[in-house]
Amino acid sequence: MTYAVRSLELLSHRECLQRLNAAHVGRVVFTVDALPAVVPVTFAVQDDAVVLCTQADTRLAAAADGSVLAFEIDELDPVSRTGWSVVVTGVAEVVAEPLTRARIHSSVAPWAPGHHDVYVRLPMTMVTGRLITTTAPTL
């Protein structure tokens, strides 16, 4: 039996940004009572930051202002066992400035129902990406 050879490559900063700009849904990782929490969110990229909005009564809203958050997007193929992921890490801030809130509102369309009145900006302090590819085996 012959298997394809998989390899792991690091994505450049530019490649990470291209993937971030093409995606619409990702996952935010934060802490609640010293334990990790993850929620899917719709997002946009604006001015070297990931921006999103959430409801005021959510765990994410409570954890967002001034906390370190991670944000992740990916695309995986379970059959070929290939794919990629991009992670952004930074200190989040809740946006109060009306014009910035309006820009985020016009760029992010939440899938979840409800009144999304908390606008969050996550600066891209650290951006990393990985790509797993396959090549044909050599005989």
C-alpha atoms as a PDB file:
ATOM      1  CA  MET A   1       0.000   0.000   0.000  1.00  0.00           C
ATOM      2  CA  THR A   2       1.327   3.457  -0.939  1.00  0.00           C
ATOM      3  CA  TYR A   3       0.627   6.578   1.098  1.00  0.00           C
ATOM      4  CA  ALA A   4       1.011  10.204   0.140  1.00  0.00           C
ATOM      5  CA  VAL A   5       3.709  12.065   2.008  1.00  0.00           C
ATOM      6  CA  ARG A   6       2.407  14.952   4.088  1.00  0.00           C
ATOM      7  CA  SER A   7       4.435  18.021   4.926  1.00  0.00           C
ATOM      8  CA  LEU A   8       3.942  20.922   7.309  1.00  0.00           C
ATOM      9  CA  GLU A   9       4.787  24.435   6.165  1.00  0.00           C
ATOM     10  CA  LEU A  10       4.570  27.745   7.968  1.00  0.00           C
ATOM     11  CA  LEU A  11       2.466  30.373   6.229  1.00  0.00           C
ATOM     12  CA  SER A  12       3.971  33.815   5.719  1.00  0.00           C
ATOM     13  CA  HIS A  13       2.345  36.851   7.296  1.00  0.00           C
ATOM     14  CA  ARG A  14       1.012  37.842   3.872  1.00  0.00           C
ATOM     15  CA  GLU A  15      -0.476  34.363   3.297  1.00  0.00           C
ATOM     16  CA  CYS A  16      -2.132  34.479   6.734  1.00  0.00           C
ATOM     17  CA  LEU A  17      -3.688  37.870   5.940  1.00  0.00           C
ATOM     18  CA  GLN A  18      -4.961  36.608   2.578  1.00  0.00           C
ATOM     19  CA  ARG A  19      -6.752  33.735   4.294  1.00  0.00           C
ATOM     20  CA  LEU A  20      -8.138  36.007   7.021  1.00  0.00           C
ATOM     21  CA  ASN A  21      -9.487  38.453   4.429  1.00  0.00           C
ATOM     22  CA  ALA A  22     -11.187  35.633   2.495  1.00  0.00           C
ATOM     23  CA  ALA A  23     -12.923  34.026   5.500  1.00  0.00           C
ATOM     24  CA  HIS A  24     -16.109  35.078   7.291  1.00  0.00           C
ATOM     25  CA  VAL A  25     -16.418  32.736  10.276  1.00  0.00           C
ATOM     26  CA  GLY A  26     -13.796  31.878  12.859  1.00  0.00           C
ATOM     27  CA  ARG A  27     -13.428  30.906  16.502  1.00  0.00           C
ATOM     28  CA  VAL A  28     -12.538  33.162  19.418  1.00  0.00           C
ATOM     29  CA  VAL A  29     -10.678  31.572  22.323  1.00  0.00           C
ATOM     30  CA  PHE A  30     -10.826  33.251  25.731  1.00  0.00           C
ATOM     31  CA  THR A  31     -10.849  32.320  29.403  1.00  0.00           C
ATOM     32  CA  VAL A  32     -13.762  32.068  31.787  1.00  0.00           C
ATOM     33  CA  ASP A  33     -12.942  31.304  35.426  1.00  0.00           C
ATOM     34  CA  ALA A  34      -9.410  30.262  34.378  1.00  0.00           C
ATOM     35  CA  LEU A  35     -10.763  27.709  31.884  1.00  0.00           C
ATOM     36  CA  PRO A  36     -10.632  27.962  28.084  1.00  0.00           C
ATOM     37  CA  ALA A  37     -13.793  28.850  26.188  1.00  0.00           C
ATOM     38  CA  VAL A  38     -14.333  28.872  22.426  1.00  0.00           C
ATOM     39  CA  VAL A  39     -17.157  30.402  20.404  1.00  0.00           C
ATOM     40  CA  PRO A  40     -17.688  30.665  16.646  1.00  0.00           C
ATOM     41  CA  VAL A  41     -18.146  34.211  15.353  1.00  0.00           C
ATOM     42  CA  THR A  42     -18.479  36.123  12.144  1.00  0.00           C
ATOM     43  CA  PHE A  43     -15.720  38.676  11.706  1.00  0.00           C
ATOM     44  CA  ALA A  44     -13.906  41.085   9.416  1.00  0.00           C
ATOM     45  CA  VAL A  45     -10.364  42.389   9.156  1.00  0.00           C
ATOM     46  CA  GLN A  46      -9.951  46.149   9.590  1.00  0.00           C
ATOM     47  CA  ASP A  47      -6.742  48.124  10.070  1.00  0.00           C
ATOM     48  CA  ASP A  48      -4.531  45.225  11.232  1.00  0.00           C
ATOM     49  CA  ALA A  49      -7.179  43.871  13.594  1.00  0.00           C
ATOM     50  CA  VAL A  50      -9.874  41.227  13.662  1.00  0.00           C
ATOM     51  CA  VAL A  51     -13.221  42.851  14.487  1.00  0.00           C
ATOM     52  CA  LEU A  52     -16.438  41.234  15.589  1.00  0.00           C
ATOM     53  CA  CYS A  53     -19.584  41.946  17.544  1.00  0.00           C
ATOM     54  CA  THR A  54     -21.462  40.047  20.209  1.00  0.00           C
ATOM     55  CA  GLN A  55     -24.345  40.455  22.616  1.00  0.00           C
ATOM     56  CA  ALA A  56     -23.762  42.278  25.886  1.00  0.00           C
ATOM     57  CA  ASP A  57     -24.883  39.328  28.027  1.00  0.00           C
ATOM     58  CA  THR A  58     -22.399  36.806  26.575  1.00  0.00           C
ATOM     59  CA  ARG A  59     -19.290  35.274  28.136  1.00  0.00           C
ATOM     60  CA  LEU A  60     -17.293  36.720  25.243  1.00  0.00           C
ATOM     61  CA  ALA A  61     -18.470  40.259  25.975  1.00  0.00           C
ATOM     62  CA  ALA A  62     -17.523  39.851  29.637  1.00  0.00           C
ATOM     63  CA  ALA A  63     -14.056  38.548  28.758  1.00  0.00           C
ATOM     64  CA  ALA A  64     -13.219  40.791  25.808  1.00  0.00           C
ATOM     65  CA  ASP A  65     -12.108  44.160  27.131  1.00  0.00           C
ATOM     66  CA  GLY A  66      -8.419  44.137  27.992  1.00  0.00           C
ATOM     67  CA  SER A  67      -8.026  40.362  27.893  1.00  0.00           C
ATOM     68  CA  VAL A  68      -5.732  38.280  25.733  1.00  0.00           C
ATOM     69  CA  LEU A  69      -7.810  36.509  23.095  1.00  0.00           C
ATOM     70  CA  ALA A  70      -6.903  34.107  20.337  1.00  0.00           C
ATOM     71  CA  PHE A  71      -8.805  33.935  17.071  1.00  0.00           C
ATOM     72  CA  GLU A  72      -8.582  30.992  14.670  1.00  0.00           C
ATOM     73  CA  ILE A  73      -9.748  30.137  11.169  1.00  0.00           C
ATOM     74  CA  ASP A  74      -9.066  26.960   9.251  1.00  0.00           C
ATOM     75  CA  GLU A  75      -9.949  24.788   6.317  1.00  0.00           C
ATOM     76  CA  LEU A  76      -9.492  21.038   6.609  1.00  0.00           C
ATOM     77  CA  ASP A  77      -9.952  18.063   4.303  1.00  0.00           C
ATOM     78  CA  PRO A  78     -10.426  14.907   6.396  1.00  0.00           C
ATOM     79  CA  VAL A  79     -10.042  12.602   3.383  1.00  0.00           C
ATOM     80  CA  SER A  80      -6.615  13.850   2.269  1.00  0.00           C
ATOM     81  CA  ARG A  81      -5.692  14.958   5.808  1.00  0.00           C
ATOM     82  CA  THR A  82      -4.586  18.332   4.475  1.00  0.00           C
ATOM     83  CA  GLY A  83      -5.524  21.855   5.349  1.00  0.00           C
ATOM     84  CA  TRP A  84      -4.415  25.076   6.938  1.00  0.00           C
ATOM     85  CA  SER A  85      -5.014  27.197  10.002  1.00  0.00           C
ATOM     86  CA  VAL A  86      -4.314  30.801  10.973  1.00  0.00           C
ATOM     87  CA  VAL A  87      -4.224  32.075  14.569  1.00  0.00           C
ATOM     88  CA  VAL A  88      -4.288  35.722  15.662  1.00  0.00           C
ATOM     89  CA  THR A  89      -3.437  36.597  19.261  1.00  0.00           C
ATOM     90  CA  GLY A  90      -3.649  39.970  20.972  1.00  0.00           C
ATOM     91  CA  VAL A  91      -5.174  42.046  23.736  1.00  0.00           C
ATOM     92  CA  ALA A  92      -8.801  42.756  22.839  1.00  0.00           C
ATOM     93  CA  GLU A  93     -10.637  45.980  23.359  1.00  0.00           C
ATOM     94  CA  VAL A  94     -14.310  46.839  23.374  1.00  0.00           C
ATOM     95  CA  VAL A  95     -14.899  49.649  20.885  1.00  0.00           C
ATOM     96  CA  ALA A  96     -16.817  52.681  22.128  1.00  0.00           C
ATOM     97  CA  GLU A  97     -15.989  55.220  19.402  1.00  0.00           C
ATOM     98  CA  PRO A  98     -19.123  55.671  17.216  1.00  0.00           C
ATOM     99  CA  LEU A  99     -17.417  55.821  13.795  1.00  0.00           C
ATOM    100  CA  THR A 100     -15.371  52.682  14.446  1.00  0.00           C
ATOM    101  CA  ARG A 101     -18.473  50.903  15.734  1.00  0.00           C
ATOM    102  CA  ALA A 102     -20.294  51.906  12.534  1.00  0.00           C
ATOM    103  CA  ARG A 103     -17.448  50.543  10.376  1.00  0.00           C
ATOM    104  CA  ILE A 104     -17.519  47.231  12.239  1.00  0.00           C
ATOM    105  CA  HIS A 105     -21.319  47.098  12.035  1.00  0.00           C
ATOM    106  CA  SER A 106     -21.180  47.569   8.253  1.00  0.00           C
ATOM    107  CA  SER A 107     -18.548  44.819   7.845  1.00  0.00           C
ATOM    108  CA  VAL A 108     -19.742  42.072  10.192  1.00  0.00           C
ATOM    109  CA  ALA A 109     -23.074  40.288   9.745  1.00  0.00           C
ATOM    110  CA  PRO A 110     -23.639  38.016  12.770  1.00  0.00           C
ATOM    111  CA  TRP A 111     -25.271  34.655  12.114  1.00  0.00           C
ATOM    112  CA  ALA A 112     -26.539  34.252  15.655  1.00  0.00           C
ATOM    113  CA  PRO A 113     -29.836  35.967  16.438  1.00  0.00           C
ATOM    114  CA  GLY A 114     -30.028  38.805  18.916  1.00  0.00           C
ATOM    115  CA  HIS A 115     -28.901  42.355  19.461  1.00  0.00           C
ATOM    116  CA  HIS A 116     -25.129  42.468  18.896  1.00  0.00           C
ATOM    117  CA  ASP A 117     -24.214  45.730  20.568  1.00  0.00           C
ATOM    118  CA  VAL A 118     -20.709  44.963  21.864  1.00  0.00           C
ATOM    119  CA  TYR A 119     -18.036  45.643  19.248  1.00  0.00           C
ATOM    120  CA  VAL A 120     -14.658  44.012  19.796  1.00  0.00           C
ATOM    121  CA  ARG A 121     -11.317  44.813  18.178  1.00  0.00           C
ATOM    122  CA  LEU A 122      -8.479  42.266  18.411  1.00  0.00           C
ATOM    123  CA  PRO A 123      -5.173  43.736  17.208  1.00  0.00           C
ATOM    124  CA  MET A 124      -3.058  41.302  15.204  1.00  0.00           C
ATOM    125  CA  THR A 125      -0.186  41.325  17.698  1.00  0.00           C
ATOM    126  CA  MET A 126       0.844  37.793  16.778  1.00  0.00           C
ATOM    127  CA  VAL A 127      -0.216  36.069  13.560  1.00  0.00           C
ATOM    128  CA  THR A 128       0.791  32.488  12.801  1.00  0.00           C
ATOM    129  CA  GLY A 129      -0.282  30.020  10.169  1.00  0.00           C
ATOM    130  CA  ARG A 130       0.351  26.442   9.165  1.00  0.00           C
ATOM    131  CA  LEU A 131      -0.315  24.487   5.992  1.00  0.00           C
ATOM    132  CA  ILE A 132      -0.376  20.698   5.654  1.00  0.00           C
ATOM    133  CA  THR A 133       0.021  19.449   2.089  1.00  0.00           C
ATOM    134  CA  THR A 134       0.553  16.094   0.434  1.00  0.00           C
ATOM    135  CA  THR A 135       2.921  15.022  -2.267  1.00  0.00           C
ATOM    136  CA  ALA A 136       2.901  11.840  -4.261  1.00  0.00           C
ATOM    137  CA  PRO A 137       5.119   9.158  -2.756  1.00  0.00           C
ATOM    138  CA  THR A 138       8.364   8.316  -4.451  1.00  0.00           C
ATOM    139  CA  LEU A 139       8.758   4.700  -5.402  1.00  0.00           C
END
